[in-house]
Full PDB file with SEQRES, HELIX, SHEET, SSBOND, CRYST1, ORIGX, SCALE, CONECT and MASTER records, all heavy atoms in Angstrom:
SEQRES   1 A   40  PRO THR PRO GLY PRO ALA PRO ALA VAL ASP ASP THR LEU          
SEQRES   2 A   40  GLN LEU TYR PHE LEU CYS ALA HIS PRO SER LEU THR PRO          
SEQRES   3 A   40  ALA SER ALA VAL ALA LEU THR LEU ARG ALA VAL GLY GLY          
SEQRES   4 A   40  LEU                                                          
HELIX    1 AA1 ASP A   11  CYS A   19  1                                   9    
HELIX    2 AA2 PRO A   26  ALA A   36  1                                  11    
CRYST1    1.000    1.000    1.000  90.00  90.00  90.00 P 1           1          
ORIGX1      1.000000  0.000000  0.000000        0.00000                         
ORIGX2      0.000000  1.000000  0.000000        0.00000                         
ORIGX3      0.000000  0.000000  1.000000        0.00000                         
SCALE1      1.000000  0.000000  0.000000        0.00000                         
SCALE2      0.000000  1.000000  0.000000        0.00000                         
SCALE3      0.000000  0.000000  1.000000        0.00000                         
ATOM      1  N   PRO A   1    -241.682   7.418  51.553  1.00  0.00           N  
ATOM      2  CA  PRO A   1    -242.950   7.311  52.271  1.00  0.00           C  
ATOM      3  C   PRO A   1    -243.028   8.363  53.371  1.00  0.00           C  
ATOM      4  O   PRO A   1    -242.012   8.714  53.972  1.00  0.00           O  
ATOM      5  CB  PRO A   1    -242.895   5.909  52.873  1.00  0.00           C  
ATOM      6  CG  PRO A   1    -241.434   5.643  53.046  1.00  0.00           C  
ATOM      7  CD  PRO A   1    -240.762   6.336  51.881  1.00  0.00           C  
ATOM      8  N   THR A   2    -244.201   8.875  53.647  1.00  0.00           N  
ATOM      9  CA  THR A   2    -244.364   9.861  54.701  1.00  0.00           C  
ATOM     10  C   THR A   2    -245.390   9.363  55.707  1.00  0.00           C  
ATOM     11  O   THR A   2    -246.324   8.638  55.355  1.00  0.00           O  
ATOM     12  CB  THR A   2    -244.856  11.198  54.117  1.00  0.00           C  
ATOM     13  OG1 THR A   2    -246.059  10.971  53.362  1.00  0.00           O  
ATOM     14  CG2 THR A   2    -243.813  11.802  53.185  1.00  0.00           C  
ATOM     15  N   PRO A   3    -245.215   9.740  56.991  1.00  0.00           N  
ATOM     16  CA  PRO A   3    -246.189   9.326  57.992  1.00  0.00           C  
ATOM     17  C   PRO A   3    -247.557   9.900  57.686  1.00  0.00           C  
ATOM     18  O   PRO A   3    -247.691  10.931  57.021  1.00  0.00           O  
ATOM     19  CB  PRO A   3    -245.619   9.905  59.288  1.00  0.00           C  
ATOM     20  CG  PRO A   3    -244.177  10.161  59.002  1.00  0.00           C  
ATOM     21  CD  PRO A   3    -244.102  10.509  57.545  1.00  0.00           C  
ATOM     22  N   GLY A   4    -248.581   9.234  58.206  1.00  0.00           N  
ATOM     23  CA  GLY A   4    -249.921   9.759  58.044  1.00  0.00           C  
ATOM     24  C   GLY A   4    -250.870   8.709  57.537  1.00  0.00           C  
ATOM     25  O   GLY A   4    -250.490   7.577  57.251  1.00  0.00           O  
ATOM     26  N   PRO A   5    -252.150   9.065  57.433  1.00  0.00           N  
ATOM     27  CA  PRO A   5    -253.157   8.107  56.997  1.00  0.00           C  
ATOM     28  C   PRO A   5    -252.934   7.664  55.560  1.00  0.00           C  
ATOM     29  O   PRO A   5    -252.381   8.387  54.748  1.00  0.00           O  
ATOM     30  CB  PRO A   5    -254.475   8.894  57.135  1.00  0.00           C  
ATOM     31  CG  PRO A   5    -254.053  10.331  57.052  1.00  0.00           C  
ATOM     32  CD  PRO A   5    -252.701  10.405  57.696  1.00  0.00           C  
ATOM     33  N   ALA A   6    -253.364   6.450  55.265  1.00  0.00           N  
ATOM     34  CA  ALA A   6    -253.213   5.911  53.913  1.00  0.00           C  
ATOM     35  C   ALA A   6    -254.238   6.527  52.977  1.00  0.00           C  
ATOM     36  O   ALA A   6    -255.335   6.886  53.388  1.00  0.00           O  
ATOM     37  CB  ALA A   6    -253.399   4.397  53.946  1.00  0.00           C  
ATOM     38  N   PRO A   7    -253.901   6.668  51.695  1.00  0.00           N  
ATOM     39  CA  PRO A   7    -254.892   7.115  50.729  1.00  0.00           C  
ATOM     40  C   PRO A   7    -255.924   6.027  50.489  1.00  0.00           C  
ATOM     41  O   PRO A   7    -255.805   4.906  50.978  1.00  0.00           O  
ATOM     42  CB  PRO A   7    -254.046   7.353  49.461  1.00  0.00           C  
ATOM     43  CG  PRO A   7    -252.871   6.455  49.624  1.00  0.00           C  
ATOM     44  CD  PRO A   7    -252.598   6.402  51.087  1.00  0.00           C  
ATOM     45  N   ALA A   8    -256.926   6.354  49.710  1.00  0.00           N  
ATOM     46  CA  ALA A   8    -257.975   5.383  49.412  1.00  0.00           C  
ATOM     47  C   ALA A   8    -257.377   4.160  48.735  1.00  0.00           C  
ATOM     48  O   ALA A   8    -256.417   4.253  47.994  1.00  0.00           O  
ATOM     49  CB  ALA A   8    -259.029   6.019  48.505  1.00  0.00           C  
ATOM     50  N   VAL A   9    -257.958   2.982  49.025  1.00  0.00           N  
ATOM     51  CA  VAL A   9    -257.469   1.733  48.447  1.00  0.00           C  
ATOM     52  C   VAL A   9    -257.612   1.768  46.939  1.00  0.00           C  
ATOM     53  O   VAL A   9    -258.630   2.194  46.405  1.00  0.00           O  
ATOM     54  CB  VAL A   9    -258.274   0.547  49.026  1.00  0.00           C  
ATOM     55  CG1 VAL A   9    -257.844  -0.756  48.382  1.00  0.00           C  
ATOM     56  CG2 VAL A   9    -258.073   0.471  50.537  1.00  0.00           C  
ATOM     57  N   ASP A  10    -256.543   1.336  46.227  1.00  0.00           N  
ATOM     58  CA  ASP A  10    -256.622   1.321  44.774  1.00  0.00           C  
ATOM     59  C   ASP A  10    -256.618  -0.121  44.275  1.00  0.00           C  
ATOM     60  O   ASP A  10    -256.616  -1.068  45.055  1.00  0.00           O  
ATOM     61  CB  ASP A  10    -255.485   2.144  44.162  1.00  0.00           C  
ATOM     62  CG  ASP A  10    -254.100   1.565  44.480  1.00  0.00           C  
ATOM     63  OD1 ASP A  10    -254.020   0.396  44.904  1.00  0.00           O  
ATOM     64  OD2 ASP A  10    -253.116   2.295  44.298  1.00  0.00           O  
ATOM     65  N   ASP A  11    -256.610  -0.278  42.958  1.00  0.00           N  
ATOM     66  CA  ASP A  11    -256.715  -1.605  42.366  1.00  0.00           C  
ATOM     67  C   ASP A  11    -255.487  -2.465  42.596  1.00  0.00           C  
ATOM     68  O   ASP A  11    -255.569  -3.692  42.524  1.00  0.00           O  
ATOM     69  CB  ASP A  11    -256.969  -1.483  40.857  1.00  0.00           C  
ATOM     70  CG  ASP A  11    -258.353  -0.944  40.552  1.00  0.00           C  
ATOM     71  OD1 ASP A  11    -259.205  -1.002  41.456  1.00  0.00           O  
ATOM     72  OD2 ASP A  11    -258.566  -0.464  39.432  1.00  0.00           O  
ATOM     73  N   THR A  12    -254.331  -1.856  42.857  1.00  0.00           N  
ATOM     74  CA  THR A  12    -253.106  -2.638  42.990  1.00  0.00           C  
ATOM     75  C   THR A  12    -253.202  -3.619  44.155  1.00  0.00           C  
ATOM     76  O   THR A  12    -252.874  -4.798  44.024  1.00  0.00           O  
ATOM     77  CB  THR A  12    -251.889  -1.716  43.201  1.00  0.00           C  
ATOM     78  OG1 THR A  12    -251.835  -0.765  42.146  1.00  0.00           O  
ATOM     79  CG2 THR A  12    -250.606  -2.527  43.220  1.00  0.00           C  
ATOM     80  N   LEU A  13    -253.657  -3.155  45.304  1.00  0.00           N  
ATOM     81  CA  LEU A  13    -253.775  -4.039  46.459  1.00  0.00           C  
ATOM     82  C   LEU A  13    -254.788  -5.145  46.197  1.00  0.00           C  
ATOM     83  O   LEU A  13    -254.588  -6.298  46.594  1.00  0.00           O  
ATOM     84  CB  LEU A  13    -254.176  -3.230  47.693  1.00  0.00           C  
ATOM     85  CG  LEU A  13    -254.117  -3.961  49.033  1.00  0.00           C  
ATOM     86  CD1 LEU A  13    -252.727  -4.521  49.280  1.00  0.00           C  
ATOM     87  CD2 LEU A  13    -254.518  -3.034  50.166  1.00  0.00           C  
ATOM     88  N   GLN A  14    -255.861  -4.819  45.491  1.00  0.00           N  
ATOM     89  CA  GLN A  14    -256.852  -5.841  45.143  1.00  0.00           C  
ATOM     90  C   GLN A  14    -256.231  -6.913  44.245  1.00  0.00           C  
ATOM     91  O   GLN A  14    -256.517  -8.110  44.390  1.00  0.00           O  
ATOM     92  CB  GLN A  14    -258.054  -5.188  44.437  1.00  0.00           C  
ATOM     93  CG  GLN A  14    -259.184  -6.166  44.075  1.00  0.00           C  
ATOM     94  CD  GLN A  14    -259.832  -6.790  45.298  1.00  0.00           C  
ATOM     95  OE1 GLN A  14    -259.666  -6.300  46.416  1.00  0.00           O  
ATOM     96  NE2 GLN A  14    -260.551  -7.886  45.109  1.00  0.00           N  
ATOM     97  N   LEU A  15    -255.363  -6.500  43.341  1.00  0.00           N  
ATOM     98  CA  LEU A  15    -254.685  -7.470  42.480  1.00  0.00           C  
ATOM     99  C   LEU A  15    -253.798  -8.406  43.299  1.00  0.00           C  
ATOM    100  O   LEU A  15    -253.702  -9.598  42.995  1.00  0.00           O  
ATOM    101  CB  LEU A  15    -253.840  -6.745  41.423  1.00  0.00           C  
ATOM    102  CG  LEU A  15    -254.600  -6.085  40.273  1.00  0.00           C  
ATOM    103  CD1 LEU A  15    -253.640  -5.269  39.420  1.00  0.00           C  
ATOM    104  CD2 LEU A  15    -255.293  -7.139  39.416  1.00  0.00           C  
ATOM    105  N   TYR A  16    -253.168  -7.883  44.334  1.00  0.00           N  
ATOM    106  CA  TYR A  16    -252.361  -8.735  45.204  1.00  0.00           C  
ATOM    107  C   TYR A  16    -253.227  -9.836  45.819  1.00  0.00           C  
ATOM    108  O   TYR A  16    -252.829 -11.005  45.887  1.00  0.00           O  
ATOM    109  CB  TYR A  16    -251.725  -7.902  46.315  1.00  0.00           C  
ATOM    110  CG  TYR A  16    -250.399  -7.277  45.964  1.00  0.00           C  
ATOM    111  CD1 TYR A  16    -250.293  -6.332  44.944  1.00  0.00           C  
ATOM    112  CD2 TYR A  16    -249.255  -7.617  46.645  1.00  0.00           C  
ATOM    113  CE1 TYR A  16    -249.086  -5.753  44.628  1.00  0.00           C  
ATOM    114  CE2 TYR A  16    -248.028  -7.042  46.332  1.00  0.00           C  
ATOM    115  CZ  TYR A  16    -247.959  -6.101  45.319  1.00  0.00           C  
ATOM    116  OH  TYR A  16    -246.752  -5.530  44.994  1.00  0.00           O  
ATOM    117  N   PHE A  17    -254.414  -9.465  46.279  1.00  0.00           N  
ATOM    118  CA  PHE A  17    -255.300 -10.452  46.890  1.00  0.00           C  
ATOM    119  C   PHE A  17    -255.816 -11.455  45.862  1.00  0.00           C  
ATOM    120  O   PHE A  17    -255.952 -12.644  46.148  1.00  0.00           O  
ATOM    121  CB  PHE A  17    -256.479  -9.747  47.573  1.00  0.00           C  
ATOM    122  CG  PHE A  17    -256.187  -9.335  48.983  1.00  0.00           C  
ATOM    123  CD1 PHE A  17    -255.757  -8.062  49.266  1.00  0.00           C  
ATOM    124  CD2 PHE A  17    -256.328 -10.236  50.026  1.00  0.00           C  
ATOM    125  CE1 PHE A  17    -255.463  -7.678  50.572  1.00  0.00           C  
ATOM    126  CE2 PHE A  17    -256.048  -9.874  51.334  1.00  0.00           C  
ATOM    127  CZ  PHE A  17    -255.607  -8.586  51.607  1.00  0.00           C  
ATOM    128  N   LEU A  18    -256.103 -10.994  44.665  1.00  0.00           N  
ATOM    129  CA  LEU A  18    -256.615 -11.899  43.645  1.00  0.00           C  
ATOM    130  C   LEU A  18    -255.555 -12.908  43.206  1.00  0.00           C  
ATOM    131  O   LEU A  18    -255.865 -14.078  42.942  1.00  0.00           O  
ATOM    132  CB  LEU A  18    -257.125 -11.104  42.439  1.00  0.00           C  
ATOM    133  CG  LEU A  18    -258.385 -10.266  42.681  1.00  0.00           C  
ATOM    134  CD1 LEU A  18    -258.739  -9.468  41.441  1.00  0.00           C  
ATOM    135  CD2 LEU A  18    -259.558 -11.149  43.081  1.00  0.00           C  
ATOM    136  N   CYS A  19    -254.296 -12.465  43.127  1.00  0.00           N  
ATOM    137  CA  CYS A  19    -253.233 -13.396  42.756  1.00  0.00           C  
ATOM    138  C   CYS A  19    -252.977 -14.417  43.860  1.00  0.00           C  
ATOM    139  O   CYS A  19    -252.444 -15.496  43.587  1.00  0.00           O  
ATOM    140  CB  CYS A  19    -251.943 -12.644  42.434  1.00  0.00           C  
ATOM    141  SG  CYS A  19    -251.959 -11.846  40.810  1.00  0.00           S  
ATOM    142  N   ALA A  20    -253.342 -14.085  45.085  1.00  0.00           N  
ATOM    143  CA  ALA A  20    -253.206 -15.040  46.191  1.00  0.00           C  
ATOM    144  C   ALA A  20    -254.459 -15.912  46.251  1.00  0.00           C  
ATOM    145  O   ALA A  20    -255.098 -16.066  47.286  1.00  0.00           O  
ATOM    146  CB  ALA A  20    -252.999 -14.286  47.502  1.00  0.00           C  
ATOM    147  N   HIS A  21    -254.824 -16.517  45.127  1.00  0.00           N  
ATOM    148  CA  HIS A  21    -256.065 -17.266  44.989  1.00  0.00           C  
ATOM    149  C   HIS A  21    -256.038 -18.533  45.838  1.00  0.00           C  
ATOM    150  O   HIS A  21    -254.991 -19.185  45.956  1.00  0.00           O  
ATOM    151  CB  HIS A  21    -256.284 -17.632  43.512  1.00  0.00           C  
ATOM    152  CG  HIS A  21    -257.678 -18.062  43.204  1.00  0.00           C  
ATOM    153  ND1 HIS A  21    -258.089 -19.368  43.310  1.00  0.00           N  
ATOM    154  CD2 HIS A  21    -258.758 -17.362  42.792  1.00  0.00           C  
ATOM    155  CE1 HIS A  21    -259.358 -19.459  42.980  1.00  0.00           C  
ATOM    156  NE2 HIS A  21    -259.794 -18.250  42.669  1.00  0.00           N  
ATOM    157  N   PRO A  22    -257.175 -18.924  46.449  1.00  0.00           N  
ATOM    158  CA  PRO A  22    -257.209 -20.129  47.294  1.00  0.00           C  
ATOM    159  C   PRO A  22    -256.825 -21.415  46.575  1.00  0.00           C  
ATOM    160  O   PRO A  22    -256.434 -22.386  47.226  1.00  0.00           O  
ATOM    161  CB  PRO A  22    -258.678 -20.185  47.752  1.00  0.00           C  
ATOM    162  CG  PRO A  22    -259.169 -18.786  47.647  1.00  0.00           C  
ATOM    163  CD  PRO A  22    -258.462 -18.191  46.472  1.00  0.00           C  
ATOM    164  N   SER A  23    -256.914 -21.430  45.248  1.00  0.00           N  
ATOM    165  CA  SER A  23    -256.548 -22.651  44.520  1.00  0.00           C  
ATOM    166  C   SER A  23    -255.035 -22.846  44.435  1.00  0.00           C  
ATOM    167  O   SER A  23    -254.561 -23.901  44.016  1.00  0.00           O  
ATOM    168  CB  SER A  23    -257.127 -22.608  43.101  1.00  0.00           C  
ATOM    169  OG  SER A  23    -256.577 -21.536  42.358  1.00  0.00           O  
ATOM    170  N   LEU A  24    -254.266 -21.823  44.842  1.00  0.00           N  
ATOM    171  CA  LEU A  24    -252.807 -21.891  44.797  1.00  0.00           C  
ATOM    172  C   LEU A  24    -252.238 -22.146  46.191  1.00  0.00           C  
ATOM    173  O   LEU A  24    -252.810 -21.716  47.193  1.00  0.00           O  
ATOM    174  CB  LEU A  24    -252.224 -20.579  44.267  1.00  0.00           C  
ATOM    175  CG  LEU A  24    -252.563 -20.188  42.827  1.00  0.00           C  
ATOM    176  CD1 LEU A  24    -252.072 -18.780  42.554  1.00  0.00           C  
ATOM    177  CD2 LEU A  24    -251.952 -21.167  41.846  1.00  0.00           C  
ATOM    178  N   THR A  25    -251.100 -22.823  46.235  1.00  0.00           N  
ATOM    179  CA  THR A  25    -250.371 -22.905  47.495  1.00  0.00           C  
ATOM    180  C   THR A  25    -249.810 -21.521  47.807  1.00  0.00           C  
ATOM    181  O   THR A  25    -249.608 -20.714  46.900  1.00  0.00           O  
ATOM    182  CB  THR A  25    -249.209 -23.906  47.394  1.00  0.00           C  
ATOM    183  OG1 THR A  25    -248.257 -23.407  46.434  1.00  0.00           O  
ATOM    184  CG2 THR A  25    -249.694 -25.281  46.979  1.00  0.00           C  
ATOM    185  N   PRO A  26    -249.556 -21.224  49.085  1.00  0.00           N  
ATOM    186  CA  PRO A  26    -248.997 -19.905  49.413  1.00  0.00           C  
ATOM    187  C   PRO A  26    -247.716 -19.594  48.645  1.00  0.00           C  
ATOM    188  O   PRO A  26    -247.526 -18.478  48.171  1.00  0.00           O  
ATOM    189  CB  PRO A  26    -248.742 -20.013  50.925  1.00  0.00           C  
ATOM    190  CG  PRO A  26    -249.761 -21.000  51.401  1.00  0.00           C  
ATOM    191  CD  PRO A  26    -249.889 -21.996  50.295  1.00  0.00           C  
ATOM    192  N   ALA A  27    -246.821 -20.585  48.508  1.00  0.00           N  
ATOM    193  CA  ALA A  27    -245.562 -20.336  47.804  1.00  0.00           C  
ATOM    194  C   ALA A  27    -245.804 -19.980  46.343  1.00  0.00           C  
ATOM    195  O   ALA A  27    -245.183 -19.066  45.789  1.00  0.00           O  
ATOM    196  CB  ALA A  27    -244.656 -21.570  47.899  1.00  0.00           C  
ATOM    197  N   SER A  28    -246.732 -20.687  45.684  1.00  0.00           N  
ATOM    198  CA  SER A  28    -247.029 -20.403  44.278  1.00  0.00           C  
ATOM    199  C   SER A  28    -247.721 -19.054  44.129  1.00  0.00           C  
ATOM    200  O   SER A  28    -247.471 -18.316  43.174  1.00  0.00           O  
ATOM    201  CB  SER A  28    -247.911 -21.513  43.694  1.00  0.00           C  
ATOM    202  OG  SER A  28    -247.215 -22.734  43.656  1.00  0.00           O  
ATOM    203  N   ALA A  29    -248.598 -18.729  45.075  1.00  0.00           N  
ATOM    204  CA  ALA A  29    -249.302 -17.450  45.013  1.00  0.00           C  
ATOM    205  C   ALA A  29    -248.339 -16.283  45.146  1.00  0.00           C  
ATOM    206  O   ALA A  29    -248.445 -15.285  44.427  1.00  0.00           O  
ATOM    207  CB  ALA A  29    -250.361 -17.389  46.119  1.00  0.00           C  
ATOM    208  N   VAL A  30    -247.393 -16.402  46.050  1.00  0.00           N  
ATOM    209  CA  VAL A  30    -246.393 -15.340  46.221  1.00  0.00           C  
ATOM    210  C   VAL A  30    -245.579 -15.176  44.943  1.00  0.00           C  
ATOM    211  O   VAL A  30    -245.368 -14.057  44.451  1.00  0.00           O  
ATOM    212  CB  VAL A  30    -245.467 -15.658  47.411  1.00  0.00           C  
ATOM    213  CG1 VAL A  30    -244.291 -14.692  47.436  1.00  0.00           C  
ATOM    214  CG2 VAL A  30    -246.230 -15.558  48.717  1.00  0.00           C  
ATOM    215  N   ALA A  31    -245.115 -16.282  44.388  1.00  0.00           N  
ATOM    216  CA  ALA A  31    -244.293 -16.217  43.171  1.00  0.00           C  
ATOM    217  C   ALA A  31    -245.065 -15.589  42.021  1.00  0.00           C  
ATOM    218  O   ALA A  31    -244.549 -14.735  41.293  1.00  0.00           O  
ATOM    219  CB  ALA A  31    -243.827 -17.622  42.788  1.00  0.00           C  
ATOM    220  N   LEU A  32    -246.323 -15.988  41.841  1.00  0.00           N  
ATOM    221  CA  LEU A  32    -247.132 -15.449  40.750  1.00  0.00           C  
ATOM    222  C   LEU A  32    -247.367 -13.953  40.926  1.00  0.00           C  
ATOM    223  O   LEU A  32    -247.278 -13.176  39.963  1.00  0.00           O  
ATOM    224  CB  LEU A  32    -248.471 -16.188  40.681  1.00  0.00           C  
ATOM    225  CG  LEU A  32    -249.454 -15.690  39.615  1.00  0.00           C  
ATOM    226  CD1 LEU A  32    -248.879 -15.863  38.217  1.00  0.00           C  
ATOM    227  CD2 LEU A  32    -250.793 -16.421  39.734  1.00  0.00           C  
ATOM    228  N   THR A  33    -247.664 -13.535  42.138  1.00  0.00           N  
ATOM    229  CA  THR A  33    -247.936 -12.119  42.387  1.00  0.00           C  
ATOM    230  C   THR A  33    -246.702 -11.264  42.156  1.00  0.00           C  
ATOM    231  O   THR A  33    -246.776 -10.188  41.557  1.00  0.00           O  
ATOM    232  CB  THR A  33    -248.442 -11.917  43.825  1.00  0.00           C  
ATOM    233  OG1 THR A  33    -249.467 -12.855  44.100  1.00  0.00           O  
ATOM    234  CG2 THR A  33    -248.997 -10.512  44.003  1.00  0.00           C  
ATOM    235  N   LEU A  34    -245.564 -11.744  42.626  1.00  0.00           N  
ATOM    236  CA  LEU A  34    -244.328 -10.996  42.415  1.00  0.00           C  
ATOM    237  C   LEU A  34    -244.026 -10.833  40.932  1.00  0.00           C  
ATOM    238  O   LEU A  34    -243.547  -9.790  40.491  1.00  0.00           O  
ATOM    239  CB  LEU A  34    -243.164 -11.706  43.100  1.00  0.00           C  
ATOM    240  CG  LEU A  34    -243.158 -11.662  44.629  1.00  0.00           C  
ATOM    241  CD1 LEU A  34    -242.081 -12.582  45.187  1.00  0.00           C  
ATOM    242  CD2 LEU A  34    -242.958 -10.252  45.138  1.00  0.00           C  
ATOM    243  N   ARG A  35    -244.326 -11.868  40.159  1.00  0.00           N  
ATOM    244  CA  ARG A  35    -244.032 -11.829  38.720  1.00  0.00           C  
ATOM    245  C   ARG A  35    -245.063 -10.988  37.969  1.00  0.00           C  
ATOM    246  O   ARG A  35    -244.722 -10.142  37.136  1.00  0.00           O  
ATOM    247  CB  ARG A  35    -244.017 -13.264  38.155  1.00  0.00           C  
ATOM    248  CG  ARG A  35    -243.550 -13.344  36.711  1.00  0.00           C  
ATOM    249  CD  ARG A  35    -242.053 -13.101  36.610  1.00  0.00           C  
ATOM    250  NE  ARG A  35    -241.592 -13.121  35.238  1.00  0.00           N  
ATOM    251  CZ  ARG A  35    -241.539 -12.067  34.450  1.00  0.00           C  
ATOM    252  NH1 ARG A  35    -241.918 -10.886  34.908  1.00  0.00           N  
ATOM    253  NH2 ARG A  35    -241.095 -12.171  33.212  1.00  0.00           N  
ATOM    254  N   ALA A  36    -246.353 -11.203  38.264  1.00  0.00           N  
ATOM    255  CA  ALA A  36    -247.409 -10.583  37.469  1.00  0.00           C  
ATOM    256  C   ALA A  36    -247.731  -9.158  37.908  1.00  0.00           C  
ATOM    257  O   ALA A  36    -248.058  -8.309  37.076  1.00  0.00           O  
ATOM    258  CB  ALA A  36    -248.682 -11.437  37.549  1.00  0.00           C  
ATOM    259  N   VAL A  37    -247.642  -8.881  39.210  1.00  0.00           N  
ATOM    260  CA  VAL A  37    -248.033  -7.562  39.728  1.00  0.00           C  
ATOM    261  C   VAL A  37    -246.824  -6.781  40.233  1.00  0.00           C  
ATOM    262  O   VAL A  37    -246.695  -5.591  40.004  1.00  0.00           O  
ATOM    263  CB  VAL A  37    -249.075  -7.705  40.858  1.00  0.00           C  
ATOM    264  CG1 VAL A  37    -249.584  -6.324  41.277  1.00  0.00           C  
ATOM    265  CG2 VAL A  37    -250.232  -8.580  40.424  1.00  0.00           C  
ATOM    266  N   GLY A  38    -245.914  -7.470  40.917  1.00  0.00           N  
ATOM    267  CA  GLY A  38    -244.768  -6.785  41.503  1.00  0.00           C  
ATOM    268  C   GLY A  38    -243.720  -6.376  40.498  1.00  0.00           C  
ATOM    269  O   GLY A  38    -242.894  -5.523  40.785  1.00  0.00           O  
ATOM    270  N   GLY A  39    -243.720  -7.007  39.312  1.00  0.00           N  
ATOM    271  CA  GLY A  39    -242.769  -6.640  38.283  1.00  0.00           C  
ATOM    272  C   GLY A  39    -241.376  -7.203  38.481  1.00  0.00           C  
ATOM    273  O   GLY A  39    -240.448  -6.823  37.774  1.00  0.00           O  
ATOM    274  N   LEU A  40    -241.189  -8.139  39.433  1.00  0.00           N  
ATOM    275  CA  LEU A  40    -239.878  -8.736  39.640  1.00  0.00           C  
ATOM    276  C   LEU A  40    -239.613  -9.792  38.577  1.00  0.00           C  
ATOM    277  O   LEU A  40    -240.538 -10.410  38.047  1.00  0.00           O  
ATOM    278  CB  LEU A  40    -239.784  -9.380  41.023  1.00  0.00           C  
ATOM    279  CG  LEU A  40    -239.377  -8.455  42.187  1.00  0.00           C  
ATOM    280  CD1 LEU A  40    -240.418  -7.381  42.421  1.00  0.00           C  
ATOM    281  CD2 LEU A  40    -239.161  -9.265  43.457  1.00  0.00           C  
TER     282      LEU A  40                                                      
MASTER        0    0    0    2    0    0    0    6  281    1    0    4          
END                                                                             
């Protein structure tokens, strides 16, 4: 990573927010996002 302004927002960050859906508990949302988007 290098210092400086961030590039334009891409779809990846939006996917993080979508996986953190209000119908899920925070713990379940984190687990789902890590599995589906984070690749863990």
